[in-house]
Amino acid sequence: MNKVFEKGKVLNLEQLIDYSDGGIISKQVLKNETGNITLFSFDTGQGLTEHTAPFDAMVQVLDGEVEIKLGGVPHLLKKGESIIMPANVPHALSAKERFKMLLTMIKG
């Protein structure tokens, strides 16, 4: 179940989402007309197939390791690393180990 978190409260993002064996979990942190911020957790081997989005997005890895293909080019990201994915560029991701990320999408 998605939940928008309370504003004005200190959040430890990595602790706000658990892992699911063999699965993916998402929790919406904030959403409005200009974009949204969502927490995700992926079990090892889980991922998202190649797709595009009509707006820029930033992935911040909070835990673990993920391979993100951006325009066909693979990028290995670990805890503490981020990547900005430009609008309309095909991208996909695959969990190399369990990982958590914060996805920020901003509509242009």
PDB file of N, CA and C in Angstrom:
ATOM      1  N   MET A   1       0.843  -1.182   0.000  1.00  0.00           N
ATOM      2  CA  MET A   1       0.000   0.000   0.000  1.00  0.00           C
ATOM      3  C   MET A   1       0.884   1.239   0.000  1.00  0.00           C
ATOM      4  N   ASN A   2       0.637   2.173  -0.898  1.00  0.00           N
ATOM      5  CA  ASN A   2       1.406   3.410  -0.952  1.00  0.00           C
ATOM      6  C   ASN A   2       0.934   4.369   0.124  1.00  0.00           C
ATOM      7  N   LYS A   3       1.854   5.133   0.657  1.00  0.00           N
ATOM      8  CA  LYS A   3       1.556   6.094   1.703  1.00  0.00           C
ATOM      9  C   LYS A   3       2.402   7.324   1.460  1.00  0.00           C
ATOM     10  N   VAL A   4       1.783   8.488   1.480  1.00  0.00           N
ATOM     11  CA  VAL A   4       2.525   9.736   1.400  1.00  0.00           C
ATOM     12  C   VAL A   4       2.908  10.095   2.827  1.00  0.00           C
ATOM     13  N   PHE A   5       4.184  10.360   3.056  1.00  0.00           N
ATOM     14  CA  PHE A   5       4.674  10.593   4.406  1.00  0.00           C
ATOM     15  C   PHE A   5       4.375  12.009   4.891  1.00  0.00           C
ATOM     16  N   GLU A   6       4.308  12.137   6.192  1.00  0.00           N
ATOM     17  CA  GLU A   6       3.989  13.408   6.842  1.00  0.00           C
ATOM     18  C   GLU A   6       5.086  14.436   6.580  1.00  0.00           C
ATOM     19  N   LYS A   7       4.667  15.638   6.217  1.00  0.00           N
ATOM     20  CA  LYS A   7       5.608  16.731   5.982  1.00  0.00           C
ATOM     21  C   LYS A   7       6.064  17.301   7.330  1.00  0.00           C
ATOM     22  N   GLY A   8       7.262  17.852   7.358  1.00  0.00           N
ATOM     23  CA  GLY A   8       7.791  18.466   8.571  1.00  0.00           C
ATOM     24  C   GLY A   8       8.311  17.465   9.585  1.00  0.00           C
ATOM     25  N   LYS A   9       8.495  16.214   9.173  1.00  0.00           N
ATOM     26  CA  LYS A   9       8.974  15.161  10.062  1.00  0.00           C
ATOM     27  C   LYS A   9      10.305  14.639   9.530  1.00  0.00           C
ATOM     28  N   VAL A  10      11.268  14.387  10.424  1.00  0.00           N
ATOM     29  CA  VAL A  10      12.567  13.841  10.027  1.00  0.00           C
ATOM     30  C   VAL A  10      12.378  12.383   9.595  1.00  0.00           C
ATOM     31  N   LEU A  11      12.929  12.035   8.432  1.00  0.00           N
ATOM     32  CA  LEU A  11      12.777  10.686   7.870  1.00  0.00           C
ATOM     33  C   LEU A  11      14.136  10.032   7.675  1.00  0.00           C
ATOM     34  N   ASN A  12      14.250   8.768   8.026  1.00  0.00           N
ATOM     35  CA  ASN A  12      15.415   7.970   7.672  1.00  0.00           C
ATOM     36  C   ASN A  12      14.944   7.070   6.536  1.00  0.00           C
ATOM     37  N   LEU A  13      15.187   7.490   5.309  1.00  0.00           N
ATOM     38  CA  LEU A  13      14.612   6.830   4.136  1.00  0.00           C
ATOM     39  C   LEU A  13      14.972   5.352   4.040  1.00  0.00           C
ATOM     40  N   GLU A  14      16.222   5.020   4.322  1.00  0.00           N
ATOM     41  CA  GLU A  14      16.650   3.619   4.204  1.00  0.00           C
ATOM     42  C   GLU A  14      15.862   2.718   5.156  1.00  0.00           C
ATOM     43  N   GLN A  15      15.477   3.237   6.306  1.00  0.00           N
ATOM     44  CA  GLN A  15      14.752   2.431   7.294  1.00  0.00           C
ATOM     45  C   GLN A  15      13.243   2.415   7.063  1.00  0.00           C
ATOM     46  N   LEU A  16      12.749   3.237   6.153  1.00  0.00           N
ATOM     47  CA  LEU A  16      11.302   3.339   5.926  1.00  0.00           C
ATOM     48  C   LEU A  16      10.745   2.302   4.953  1.00  0.00           C
ATOM     49  N   ILE A  17      11.628   1.486   4.377  1.00  0.00           N
ATOM     50  CA  ILE A  17      11.162   0.462   3.447  1.00  0.00           C
ATOM     51  C   ILE A  17      11.926  -0.831   3.714  1.00  0.00           C
ATOM     52  N   ASP A  18      11.205  -1.928   3.714  1.00  0.00           N
ATOM     53  CA  ASP A  18      11.794  -3.252   3.942  1.00  0.00           C
ATOM     54  C   ASP A  18      12.030  -3.941   2.604  1.00  0.00           C
ATOM     55  N   TYR A  19      12.638  -5.105   2.668  1.00  0.00           N
ATOM     56  CA  TYR A  19      12.793  -5.951   1.497  1.00  0.00           C
ATOM     57  C   TYR A  19      11.695  -7.010   1.497  1.00  0.00           C
ATOM     58  N   SER A  20      11.364  -7.498   0.308  1.00  0.00           N
ATOM     59  CA  SER A  20      10.419  -8.596   0.147  1.00  0.00           C
ATOM     60  C   SER A  20      11.124  -9.702  -0.627  1.00  0.00           C
ATOM     61  N   ASP A  21      11.174 -10.910  -0.071  1.00  0.00           N
ATOM     62  CA  ASP A  21      11.843 -12.014  -0.749  1.00  0.00           C
ATOM     63  C   ASP A  21      11.243 -12.213  -2.144  1.00  0.00           C
ATOM     64  N   GLY A  22      12.094 -12.103  -3.160  1.00  0.00           N
ATOM     65  CA  GLY A  22      11.665 -12.305  -4.534  1.00  0.00           C
ATOM     66  C   GLY A  22      10.805 -11.197  -5.097  1.00  0.00           C
ATOM     67  N   GLY A  23      10.774 -10.042  -4.435  1.00  0.00           N
ATOM     68  CA  GLY A  23       9.850  -9.010  -4.879  1.00  0.00           C
ATOM     69  C   GLY A  23      10.408  -7.600  -4.910  1.00  0.00           C
ATOM     70  N   ILE A  24       9.482  -6.691  -5.201  1.00  0.00           N
ATOM     71  CA  ILE A  24       9.751  -5.261  -5.275  1.00  0.00           C
ATOM     72  C   ILE A  24       8.695  -4.570  -4.415  1.00  0.00           C
ATOM     73  N   ILE A  25       9.126  -3.580  -3.638  1.00  0.00           N
ATOM     74  CA  ILE A  25       8.196  -2.777  -2.835  1.00  0.00           C
ATOM     75  C   ILE A  25       8.395  -1.320  -3.215  1.00  0.00           C
ATOM     76  N   SER A  26       7.303  -0.564  -3.273  1.00  0.00           N
ATOM     77  CA  SER A  26       7.403   0.877  -3.482  1.00  0.00           C
ATOM     78  C   SER A  26       6.523   1.593  -2.468  1.00  0.00           C
ATOM     79  N   LYS A  27       6.989   2.766  -2.036  1.00  0.00           N
ATOM     80  CA  LYS A  27       6.237   3.622  -1.119  1.00  0.00           C
ATOM     81  C   LYS A  27       6.392   5.060  -1.593  1.00  0.00           C
ATOM     82  N   GLN A  28       5.288   5.700  -1.836  1.00  0.00           N
ATOM     83  CA  GLN A  28       5.322   7.081  -2.285  1.00  0.00           C
ATOM     84  C   GLN A  28       5.612   7.995  -1.096  1.00  0.00           C
ATOM     85  N   VAL A  29       6.632   8.834  -1.238  1.00  0.00           N
ATOM     86  CA  VAL A  29       7.027   9.754  -0.178  1.00  0.00           C
ATOM     87  C   VAL A  29       6.290  11.077  -0.348  1.00  0.00           C
ATOM     88  N   LEU A  30       6.239  11.564  -1.583  1.00  0.00           N
ATOM     89  CA  LEU A  30       5.629  12.861  -1.861  1.00  0.00           C
ATOM     90  C   LEU A  30       5.156  12.878  -3.309  1.00  0.00           C
ATOM     91  N   LYS A  31       4.004  13.480  -3.544  1.00  0.00           N
ATOM     92  CA  LYS A  31       3.489  13.595  -4.906  1.00  0.00           C
ATOM     93  C   LYS A  31       2.704  14.885  -5.037  1.00  0.00           C
ATOM     94  N   ASN A  32       2.979  15.604  -6.131  1.00  0.00           N
ATOM     95  CA  ASN A  32       2.175  16.772  -6.472  1.00  0.00           C
ATOM     96  C   ASN A  32       2.218  16.969  -7.983  1.00  0.00           C
ATOM     97  N   GLU A  33       1.680  18.066  -8.466  1.00  0.00           N
ATOM     98  CA  GLU A  33       1.552  18.267  -9.910  1.00  0.00           C
ATOM     99  C   GLU A  33       2.893  18.421 -10.630  1.00  0.00           C
ATOM    100  N   THR A  34       3.978  18.705  -9.897  1.00  0.00           N
ATOM    101  CA  THR A  34       5.274  18.898 -10.547  1.00  0.00           C
ATOM    102  C   THR A  34       6.156  17.649 -10.530  1.00  0.00           C
ATOM    103  N   GLY A  35       5.711  16.591  -9.837  1.00  0.00           N
ATOM    104  CA  GLY A  35       6.495  15.365  -9.818  1.00  0.00           C
ATOM    105  C   GLY A  35       6.197  14.523  -8.601  1.00  0.00           C
ATOM    106  N   ASN A  36       7.064  13.527  -8.380  1.00  0.00           N
ATOM    107  CA  ASN A  36       6.876  12.672  -7.215  1.00  0.00           C
ATOM    108  C   ASN A  36       8.207  12.089  -6.762  1.00  0.00           C
ATOM    109  N   ILE A  37       8.214  11.638  -5.499  1.00  0.00           N
ATOM    110  CA  ILE A  37       9.374  11.015  -4.887  1.00  0.00           C
ATOM    111  C   ILE A  37       8.896   9.685  -4.323  1.00  0.00           C
ATOM    112  N   THR A  38       9.590   8.589  -4.724  1.00  0.00           N
ATOM    113  CA  THR A  38       9.160   7.258  -4.333  1.00  0.00           C
ATOM    114  C   THR A  38      10.343   6.434  -3.845  1.00  0.00           C
ATOM    115  N   LEU A  39      10.134   5.722  -2.741  1.00  0.00           N
ATOM    116  CA  LEU A  39      11.104   4.757  -2.233  1.00  0.00           C
ATOM    117  C   LEU A  39      10.834   3.405  -2.872  1.00  0.00           C
ATOM    118  N   PHE A  40      11.889   2.685  -3.211  1.00  0.00           N
ATOM    119  CA  PHE A  40      11.756   1.343  -3.755  1.00  0.00           C
ATOM    120  C   PHE A  40      12.741   0.411  -3.061  1.00  0.00           C
ATOM    121  N   SER A  41      12.357  -0.859  -2.943  1.00  0.00           N
ATOM    122  CA  SER A  41      13.312  -1.908  -2.585  1.00  0.00           C
ATOM    123  C   SER A  41      13.128  -3.042  -3.584  1.00  0.00           C
ATOM    124  N   PHE A  42      14.248  -3.639  -3.990  1.00  0.00           N
ATOM    125  CA  PHE A  42      14.265  -4.728  -4.957  1.00  0.00           C
ATOM    126  C   PHE A  42      15.076  -5.876  -4.377  1.00  0.00           C
ATOM    127  N   ASP A  43      14.558  -7.087  -4.467  1.00  0.00           N
ATOM    128  CA  ASP A  43      15.334  -8.247  -4.072  1.00  0.00           C
ATOM    129  C   ASP A  43      16.335  -8.563  -5.190  1.00  0.00           C
ATOM    130  N   THR A  44      17.366  -9.319  -4.865  1.00  0.00           N
ATOM    131  CA  THR A  44      18.383  -9.714  -5.848  1.00  0.00           C
ATOM    132  C   THR A  44      17.720 -10.319  -7.080  1.00  0.00           C
ATOM    133  N   GLY A  45      18.139  -9.856  -8.262  1.00  0.00           N
ATOM    134  CA  GLY A  45      17.614 -10.389  -9.514  1.00  0.00           C
ATOM    135  C   GLY A  45      16.350  -9.711 -10.010  1.00  0.00           C
ATOM    136  N   GLN A  46      15.710  -8.912  -9.168  1.00  0.00           N
ATOM    137  CA  GLN A  46      14.519  -8.194  -9.594  1.00  0.00           C
ATOM    138  C   GLN A  46      14.927  -6.955 -10.384  1.00  0.00           C
ATOM    139  N   GLY A  47      14.001  -6.378 -11.127  1.00  0.00           N
ATOM    140  CA  GLY A  47      14.338  -5.188 -11.887  1.00  0.00           C
ATOM    141  C   GLY A  47      13.149  -4.620 -12.619  1.00  0.00           C
ATOM    142  N   LEU A  48      13.440  -3.682 -13.473  1.00  0.00           N
ATOM    143  CA  LEU A  48      12.442  -3.058 -14.345  1.00  0.00           C
ATOM    144  C   LEU A  48      12.942  -3.173 -15.775  1.00  0.00           C
ATOM    145  N   THR A  49      12.079  -3.620 -16.668  1.00  0.00           N
ATOM    146  CA  THR A  49      12.463  -3.733 -18.068  1.00  0.00           C
ATOM    147  C   THR A  49      12.622  -2.346 -18.683  1.00  0.00           C
ATOM    148  N   GLU A  50      13.268  -2.315 -19.837  1.00  0.00           N
ATOM    149  CA  GLU A  50      13.536  -1.034 -20.492  1.00  0.00           C
ATOM    150  C   GLU A  50      12.242  -0.273 -20.776  1.00  0.00           C
ATOM    151  N   HIS A  51      12.269   1.013 -20.441  1.00  0.00           N
ATOM    152  CA  HIS A  51      11.129   1.894 -20.657  1.00  0.00           C
ATOM    153  C   HIS A  51      11.647   3.327 -20.736  1.00  0.00           C
ATOM    154  N   THR A  52      10.764   4.249 -21.040  1.00  0.00           N
ATOM    155  CA  THR A  52      11.112   5.669 -21.041  1.00  0.00           C
ATOM    156  C   THR A  52      10.123   6.401 -20.149  1.00  0.00           C
ATOM    157  N   ALA A  53      10.495   7.610 -19.772  1.00  0.00           N
ATOM    158  CA  ALA A  53       9.609   8.490 -19.003  1.00  0.00           C
ATOM    159  C   ALA A  53       9.665   9.866 -19.654  1.00  0.00           C
ATOM    160  N   PRO A  54       8.566  10.594 -19.642  1.00  0.00           N
ATOM    161  CA  PRO A  54       8.525  11.893 -20.315  1.00  0.00           C
ATOM    162  C   PRO A  54       9.144  13.030 -19.515  1.00  0.00           C
ATOM    163  N   PHE A  55       9.813  12.700 -18.400  1.00  0.00           N
ATOM    164  CA  PHE A  55      10.450  13.748 -17.590  1.00  0.00           C
ATOM    165  C   PHE A  55      11.725  13.205 -16.952  1.00  0.00           C
ATOM    166  N   ASP A  56      12.585  14.116 -16.505  1.00  0.00           N
ATOM    167  CA  ASP A  56      13.843  13.739 -15.870  1.00  0.00           C
ATOM    168  C   ASP A  56      13.583  13.006 -14.562  1.00  0.00           C
ATOM    169  N   ALA A  57      14.504  12.102 -14.216  1.00  0.00           N
ATOM    170  CA  ALA A  57      14.392  11.357 -12.971  1.00  0.00           C
ATOM    171  C   ALA A  57      15.785  11.158 -12.383  1.00  0.00           C
ATOM    172  N   MET A  58      15.854  11.166 -11.055  1.00  0.00           N
ATOM    173  CA  MET A  58      17.116  10.936 -10.362  1.00  0.00           C
ATOM    174  C   MET A  58      16.959   9.728  -9.444  1.00  0.00           C
ATOM    175  N   VAL A  59      17.910   8.802  -9.551  1.00  0.00           N
ATOM    176  CA  VAL A  59      17.956   7.633  -8.679  1.00  0.00           C
ATOM    177  C   VAL A  59      19.075   7.852  -7.667  1.00  0.00           C
ATOM    178  N   GLN A  60      18.751   7.673  -6.385  1.00  0.00           N
ATOM    179  CA  GLN A  60      19.722   7.727  -5.302  1.00  0.00           C
ATOM    180  C   GLN A  60      19.707   6.348  -4.634  1.00  0.00           C
ATOM    181  N   VAL A  61      20.833   5.638  -4.663  1.00  0.00           N
ATOM    182  CA  VAL A  61      20.903   4.307  -4.075  1.00  0.00           C
ATOM    183  C   VAL A  61      21.141   4.450  -2.571  1.00  0.00           C
ATOM    184  N   LEU A  62      20.205   3.903  -1.786  1.00  0.00           N
ATOM    185  CA  LEU A  62      20.259   4.000  -0.331  1.00  0.00           C
ATOM    186  C   LEU A  62      20.914   2.780   0.310  1.00  0.00           C
ATOM    187  N   ASP A  63      20.905   1.647  -0.408  1.00  0.00           N
ATOM    188  CA  ASP A  63      21.470   0.404   0.111  1.00  0.00           C
ATOM    189  C   ASP A  63      21.671  -0.541  -1.057  1.00  0.00           C
ATOM    190  N   GLY A  64      22.707  -1.367  -1.009  1.00  0.00           N
ATOM    191  CA  GLY A  64      22.890  -2.406  -2.002  1.00  0.00           C
ATOM    192  C   GLY A  64      23.548  -1.947  -3.288  1.00  0.00           C
ATOM    193  N   GLU A  65      23.232  -2.688  -4.375  1.00  0.00           N
ATOM    194  CA  GLU A  65      23.903  -2.471  -5.653  1.00  0.00           C
ATOM    195  C   GLU A  65      22.946  -2.767  -6.808  1.00  0.00           C
ATOM    196  N   VAL A  66      22.961  -1.897  -7.821  1.00  0.00           N
ATOM    197  CA  VAL A  66      22.064  -2.023  -8.968  1.00  0.00           C
ATOM    198  C   VAL A  66      22.807  -1.671 -10.253  1.00  0.00           C
ATOM    199  N   GLU A  67      22.429  -2.360 -11.332  1.00  0.00           N
ATOM    200  CA  GLU A  67      22.910  -1.961 -12.650  1.00  0.00           C
ATOM    201  C   GLU A  67      21.769  -1.227 -13.340  1.00  0.00           C
ATOM    202  N   ILE A  68      22.057  -0.006 -13.756  1.00  0.00           N
ATOM    203  CA  ILE A  68      21.081   0.790 -14.498  1.00  0.00           C
ATOM    204  C   ILE A  68      21.622   0.991 -15.902  1.00  0.00           C
ATOM    205  N   LYS A  69      20.852   0.550 -16.878  1.00  0.00           N
ATOM    206  CA  LYS A  69      21.208   0.803 -18.278  1.00  0.00           C
ATOM    207  C   LYS A  69      20.490   2.062 -18.703  1.00  0.00           C
ATOM    208  N   LEU A  70      21.257   3.010 -19.187  1.00  0.00           N
ATOM    209  CA  LEU A  70      20.740   4.305 -19.605  1.00  0.00           C
ATOM    210  C   LEU A  70      21.161   4.518 -21.050  1.00  0.00           C
ATOM    211  N   GLY A  71      20.176   4.502 -21.955  1.00  0.00           N
ATOM    212  CA  GLY A  71      20.498   4.603 -23.371  1.00  0.00           C
ATOM    213  C   GLY A  71      21.368   3.449 -23.831  1.00  0.00           C
ATOM    214  N   GLY A  72      21.192   2.260 -23.217  1.00  0.00           N
ATOM    215  CA  GLY A  72      21.953   1.072 -23.572  1.00  0.00           C
ATOM    216  C   GLY A  72      23.304   0.946 -22.888  1.00  0.00           C
ATOM    217  N   VAL A  73      23.730   1.977 -22.152  1.00  0.00           N
ATOM    218  CA  VAL A  73      25.029   1.970 -21.472  1.00  0.00           C
ATOM    219  C   VAL A  73      24.828   1.552 -20.018  1.00  0.00           C
ATOM    220  N   PRO A  74      25.493   0.464 -19.569  1.00  0.00           N
ATOM    221  CA  PRO A  74      25.336   0.025 -18.181  1.00  0.00           C
ATOM    222  C   PRO A  74      26.128   0.885 -17.194  1.00  0.00           C
ATOM    223  N   HIS A  75      25.502   1.143 -16.046  1.00  0.00           N
ATOM    224  CA  HIS A  75      26.129   1.884 -14.946  1.00  0.00           C
ATOM    225  C   HIS A  75      25.891   1.079 -13.676  1.00  0.00           C
ATOM    226  N   LEU A  76      26.958   0.758 -12.948  1.00  0.00           N
ATOM    227  CA  LEU A  76      26.838   0.036 -11.689  1.00  0.00           C
ATOM    228  C   LEU A  76      26.852   1.047 -10.558  1.00  0.00           C
ATOM    229  N   LEU A  77      25.757   1.095  -9.798  1.00  0.00           N
ATOM    230  CA  LEU A  77      25.641   2.044  -8.700  1.00  0.00           C
ATOM    231  C   LEU A  77      25.570   1.295  -7.375  1.00  0.00           C
ATOM    232  N   LYS A  78      26.236   1.861  -6.368  1.00  0.00           N
ATOM    233  CA  LYS A  78      26.252   1.305  -5.022  1.00  0.00           C
ATOM    234  C   LYS A  78      25.722   2.341  -4.047  1.00  0.00           C
ATOM    235  N   LYS A  79      25.510   1.900  -2.818  1.00  0.00           N
ATOM    236  CA  LYS A  79      25.007   2.772  -1.757  1.00  0.00           C
ATOM    237  C   LYS A  79      25.742   4.115  -1.764  1.00  0.00           C
ATOM    238  N   GLY A  80      24.974   5.194  -1.736  1.00  0.00           N
ATOM    239  CA  GLY A  80      25.548   6.536  -1.710  1.00  0.00           C
ATOM    240  C   GLY A  80      25.730   7.165  -3.076  1.00  0.00           C
ATOM    241  N   GLU A  81      25.516   6.387  -4.147  1.00  0.00           N
ATOM    242  CA  GLU A  81      25.693   6.919  -5.496  1.00  0.00           C
ATOM    243  C   GLU A  81      24.343   7.235  -6.148  1.00  0.00           C
ATOM    244  N   SER A  82      24.389   8.138  -7.121  1.00  0.00           N
ATOM    245  CA  SER A  82      23.173   8.598  -7.803  1.00  0.00           C
ATOM    246  C   SER A  82      23.427   8.729  -9.291  1.00  0.00           C
ATOM    247  N   ILE A  83      22.330   8.751 -10.045  1.00  0.00           N
ATOM    248  CA  ILE A  83      22.399   9.017 -11.483  1.00  0.00           C
ATOM    249  C   ILE A  83      21.141   9.774 -11.888  1.00  0.00           C
ATOM    250  N   ILE A  84      21.312  10.716 -12.801  1.00  0.00           N
ATOM    251  CA  ILE A  84      20.174  11.458 -13.348  1.00  0.00           C
ATOM    252  C   ILE A  84      19.858  10.874 -14.715  1.00  0.00           C
ATOM    253  N   MET A  85      18.606  10.473 -14.892  1.00  0.00           N
ATOM    254  CA  MET A  85      18.161   9.883 -16.153  1.00  0.00           C
ATOM    255  C   MET A  85      17.359  10.936 -16.912  1.00  0.00           C
ATOM    256  N   PRO A  86      17.840  11.344 -18.087  1.00  0.00           N
ATOM    257  CA  PRO A  86      17.131  12.368 -18.859  1.00  0.00           C
ATOM    258  C   PRO A  86      15.786  11.866 -19.391  1.00  0.00           C
ATOM    259  N   ALA A  87      14.871  12.768 -19.551  1.00  0.00           N
ATOM    260  CA  ALA A  87      13.559  12.451 -20.117  1.00  0.00           C
ATOM    261  C   ALA A  87      13.717  11.788 -21.476  1.00  0.00           C
ATOM    262  N   ASN A  88      12.840  10.824 -21.750  1.00  0.00           N
ATOM    263  CA  ASN A  88      12.717  10.160 -23.047  1.00  0.00           C
ATOM    264  C   ASN A  88      13.908   9.303 -23.464  1.00  0.00           C
ATOM    265  N   VAL A  89      14.839   9.024 -22.541  1.00  0.00           N
ATOM    266  CA  VAL A  89      15.966   8.135 -22.828  1.00  0.00           C
ATOM    267  C   VAL A  89      15.624   6.762 -22.244  1.00  0.00           C
ATOM    268  N   PRO A  90      15.675   5.698 -23.056  1.00  0.00           N
ATOM    269  CA  PRO A  90      15.351   4.365 -22.544  1.00  0.00           C
ATOM    270  C   PRO A  90      16.270   3.974 -21.387  1.00  0.00           C
ATOM    271  N   HIS A  91      15.675   3.379 -20.366  1.00  0.00           N
ATOM    272  CA  HIS A  91      16.451   2.920 -19.218  1.00  0.00           C
ATOM    273  C   HIS A  91      15.818   1.662 -18.626  1.00  0.00           C
ATOM    274  N   ALA A  92      16.654   0.883 -17.938  1.00  0.00           N
ATOM    275  CA  ALA A  92      16.223  -0.353 -17.280  1.00  0.00           C
ATOM    276  C   ALA A  92      17.107  -0.541 -16.061  1.00  0.00           C
ATOM    277  N   LEU A  93      16.650  -1.362 -15.120  1.00  0.00           N
ATOM    278  CA  LEU A  93      17.497  -1.636 -13.964  1.00  0.00           C
ATOM    279  C   LEU A  93      17.377  -3.083 -13.533  1.00  0.00           C
ATOM    280  N   SER A  94      18.479  -3.562 -12.924  1.00  0.00           N
ATOM    281  CA  SER A  94      18.551  -4.942 -12.457  1.00  0.00           C
ATOM    282  C   SER A  94      19.316  -4.965 -11.139  1.00  0.00           C
ATOM    283  N   ALA A  95      18.707  -5.549 -10.107  1.00  0.00           N
ATOM    284  CA  ALA A  95      19.338  -5.627  -8.792  1.00  0.00           C
ATOM    285  C   ALA A  95      20.459  -6.664  -8.808  1.00  0.00           C
ATOM    286  N   LYS A  96      21.702  -6.224  -8.642  1.00  0.00           N
ATOM    287  CA  LYS A  96      22.843  -7.134  -8.555  1.00  0.00           C
ATOM    288  C   LYS A  96      22.886  -7.781  -7.175  1.00  0.00           C
ATOM    289  N   GLU A  97      22.356  -7.078  -6.200  1.00  0.00           N
ATOM    290  CA  GLU A  97      22.095  -7.582  -4.862  1.00  0.00           C
ATOM    291  C   GLU A  97      20.891  -6.786  -4.369  1.00  0.00           C
ATOM    292  N   ARG A  98      20.325  -7.181  -3.255  1.00  0.00           N
ATOM    293  CA  ARG A  98      19.195  -6.405  -2.728  1.00  0.00           C
ATOM    294  C   ARG A  98      19.588  -4.928  -2.693  1.00  0.00           C
ATOM    295  N   PHE A  99      18.673  -4.074  -3.119  1.00  0.00           N
ATOM    296  CA  PHE A  99      18.989  -2.651  -3.036  1.00  0.00           C
ATOM    297  C   PHE A  99      17.730  -1.834  -2.799  1.00  0.00           C
ATOM    298  N   LYS A 100      17.977  -0.642  -2.243  1.00  0.00           N
ATOM    299  CA  LYS A 100      16.919   0.338  -1.992  1.00  0.00           C
ATOM    300  C   LYS A 100      17.303   1.618  -2.706  1.00  0.00           C
ATOM    301  N   MET A 101      16.291   2.300  -3.257  1.00  0.00           N
ATOM    302  CA  MET A 101      16.569   3.554  -3.943  1.00  0.00           C
ATOM    303  C   MET A 101      15.466   4.558  -3.682  1.00  0.00           C
ATOM    304  N   LEU A 102      15.834   5.811  -3.826  1.00  0.00           N
ATOM    305  CA  LEU A 102      14.873   6.904  -3.815  1.00  0.00           C
ATOM    306  C   LEU A 102      14.818   7.428  -5.243  1.00  0.00           C
ATOM    307  N   LEU A 103      13.626   7.439  -5.827  1.00  0.00           N
ATOM    308  CA  LEU A 103      13.440   7.912  -7.191  1.00  0.00           C
ATOM    309  C   LEU A 103      12.706   9.240  -7.139  1.00  0.00           C
ATOM    310  N   THR A 104      13.332  10.272  -7.702  1.00  0.00           N
ATOM    311  CA  THR A 104      12.729  11.608  -7.764  1.00  0.00           C
ATOM    312  C   THR A 104      12.462  11.936  -9.220  1.00  0.00           C
ATOM    313  N   MET A 105      11.195  12.127  -9.563  1.00  0.00           N
ATOM    314  CA  MET A 105      10.814  12.471 -10.943  1.00  0.00           C
ATOM    315  C   MET A 105      10.234  13.880 -10.946  1.00  0.00           C
ATOM    316  N   ILE A 106      10.741  14.704 -11.856  1.00  0.00           N
ATOM    317  CA  ILE A 106      10.295  16.095 -11.957  1.00  0.00           C
ATOM    318  C   ILE A 106       9.744  16.327 -13.354  1.00  0.00           C
ATOM    319  N   LYS A 107       8.515  16.744 -13.396  1.00  0.00           N
ATOM    320  CA  LYS A 107       7.876  17.015 -14.688  1.00  0.00           C
ATOM    321  C   LYS A 107       8.339  18.357 -15.227  1.00  0.00           C
ATOM    322  N   GLY A 108       8.630  18.373 -16.529  1.00  0.00           N
ATOM    323  CA  GLY A 108       9.152  19.591 -17.145  1.00  0.00           C
ATOM    324  C   GLY A 108       8.069  20.449 -17.735  1.00  0.00           C
TER     325      GLY A 108
END
